[in-house]
């Protein structure tokens, strides 16, 4: 069963990858360091080229 925290990270992931680069950057910039690290871990786990390119562009 997923925890509340992992559900929140999943929602952020979906929101980031469906946003344009500017909106994704603004969302990412507003996150704390712990959340950013968890989000980057999720991106690496998913292995999507689109999400990896987007995260490389905004981080």
C-alpha atoms as a PDB file:
ATOM      1  CA  UNK A   1       0.000   0.000   0.000  1.00  0.00           C
ATOM      2  CA  UNK A   2       1.329   3.388  -0.939  1.00  0.00           C
ATOM      3  CA  UNK A   3       1.929   5.984   1.712  1.00  0.00           C
ATOM      4  CA  UNK A   4       0.515   9.483   1.554  1.00  0.00           C
ATOM      5  CA  UNK A   5       3.993  10.805   0.742  1.00  0.00           C
ATOM      6  CA  UNK A   6       4.527   8.466  -2.215  1.00  0.00           C
ATOM      7  CA  UNK A   7       1.083   9.338  -3.594  1.00  0.00           C
ATOM      8  CA  UNK A   8       2.030  13.015  -3.394  1.00  0.00           C
ATOM      9  CA  UNK A   9       5.291  12.366  -5.258  1.00  0.00           C
ATOM     10  CA  UNK A  10       3.403  10.404  -7.936  1.00  0.00           C
ATOM     11  CA  UNK A  11       0.957  13.267  -8.396  1.00  0.00           C
ATOM     12  CA  UNK A  12       3.827  15.747  -8.704  1.00  0.00           C
ATOM     13  CA  UNK A  13       5.509  13.476 -11.258  1.00  0.00           C
ATOM     14  CA  UNK A  14       2.357  13.298 -13.394  1.00  0.00           C
ATOM     15  CA  UNK A  15       1.827  17.047 -13.122  1.00  0.00           C
ATOM     16  CA  UNK A  16       5.428  17.788 -14.152  1.00  0.00           C
ATOM     17  CA  UNK A  17       5.534  15.505 -17.164  1.00  0.00           C
ATOM     18  CA  UNK A  18       2.217  16.767 -18.500  1.00  0.00           C
ATOM     19  CA  UNK A  19       3.175  20.438 -18.084  1.00  0.00           C
ATOM     20  CA  UNK A  20       5.177  22.522 -20.521  1.00  0.00           C
ATOM     21  CA  UNK A  21       8.812  23.204 -19.614  1.00  0.00           C
ATOM     22  CA  UNK A  22       8.145  26.636 -18.097  1.00  0.00           C
ATOM     23  CA  UNK A  23       5.345  25.432 -15.819  1.00  0.00           C
ATOM     24  CA  UNK A  24       7.361  22.344 -14.856  1.00  0.00           C
ATOM     25  CA  UNK A  25      10.321  24.555 -13.939  1.00  0.00           C
ATOM     26  CA  UNK A  26       8.168  26.744 -11.708  1.00  0.00           C
ATOM     27  CA  UNK A  27       6.672  23.726  -9.950  1.00  0.00           C
ATOM     28  CA  UNK A  28      10.083  22.101  -9.486  1.00  0.00           C
ATOM     29  CA  UNK A  29      11.664  25.325  -8.235  1.00  0.00           C
ATOM     30  CA  UNK A  30       9.058  25.555  -5.456  1.00  0.00           C
ATOM     31  CA  UNK A  31       9.821  22.100  -4.033  1.00  0.00           C
ATOM     32  CA  UNK A  32      12.017  21.414  -1.023  1.00  0.00           C
ATOM     33  CA  UNK A  33      15.250  19.445  -1.454  1.00  0.00           C
ATOM     34  CA  UNK A  34      13.846  16.197  -0.053  1.00  0.00           C
ATOM     35  CA  UNK A  35      10.903  16.241  -2.457  1.00  0.00           C
ATOM     36  CA  UNK A  36      13.189  17.073  -5.381  1.00  0.00           C
ATOM     37  CA  UNK A  37      15.388  14.090  -4.548  1.00  0.00           C
ATOM     38  CA  UNK A  38      12.394  11.752  -4.291  1.00  0.00           C
ATOM     39  CA  UNK A  39      11.046  13.059  -7.583  1.00  0.00           C
ATOM     40  CA  UNK A  40      14.379  12.498  -9.317  1.00  0.00           C
ATOM     41  CA  UNK A  41      14.451   8.946  -7.921  1.00  0.00           C
ATOM     42  CA  UNK A  42      10.973   8.321  -9.328  1.00  0.00           C
ATOM     43  CA  UNK A  43      11.995   9.679 -12.740  1.00  0.00           C
ATOM     44  CA  UNK A  44      15.005   7.345 -12.776  1.00  0.00           C
ATOM     45  CA  UNK A  45      12.795   4.435 -11.723  1.00  0.00           C
ATOM     46  CA  UNK A  46      10.222   5.103 -14.462  1.00  0.00           C
ATOM     47  CA  UNK A  47      12.858   5.346 -17.190  1.00  0.00           C
ATOM     48  CA  UNK A  48      10.783   7.501 -19.549  1.00  0.00           C
ATOM     49  CA  UNK A  49      12.879   9.441 -22.060  1.00  0.00           C
ATOM     50  CA  UNK A  50      10.444  12.370 -22.043  1.00  0.00           C
ATOM     51  CA  UNK A  51      10.506  12.736 -18.267  1.00  0.00           C
ATOM     52  CA  UNK A  52      14.293  12.349 -18.115  1.00  0.00           C
ATOM     53  CA  UNK A  53      14.778  15.059 -20.757  1.00  0.00           C
ATOM     54  CA  UNK A  54      12.348  17.351 -18.968  1.00  0.00           C
ATOM     55  CA  UNK A  55      14.034  16.852 -15.596  1.00  0.00           C
ATOM     56  CA  UNK A  56      17.466  17.448 -17.113  1.00  0.00           C
ATOM     57  CA  UNK A  57      16.164  20.664 -18.617  1.00  0.00           C
ATOM     58  CA  UNK A  58      14.571  22.030 -15.442  1.00  0.00           C
ATOM     59  CA  UNK A  59      16.933  20.797 -12.722  1.00  0.00           C
END
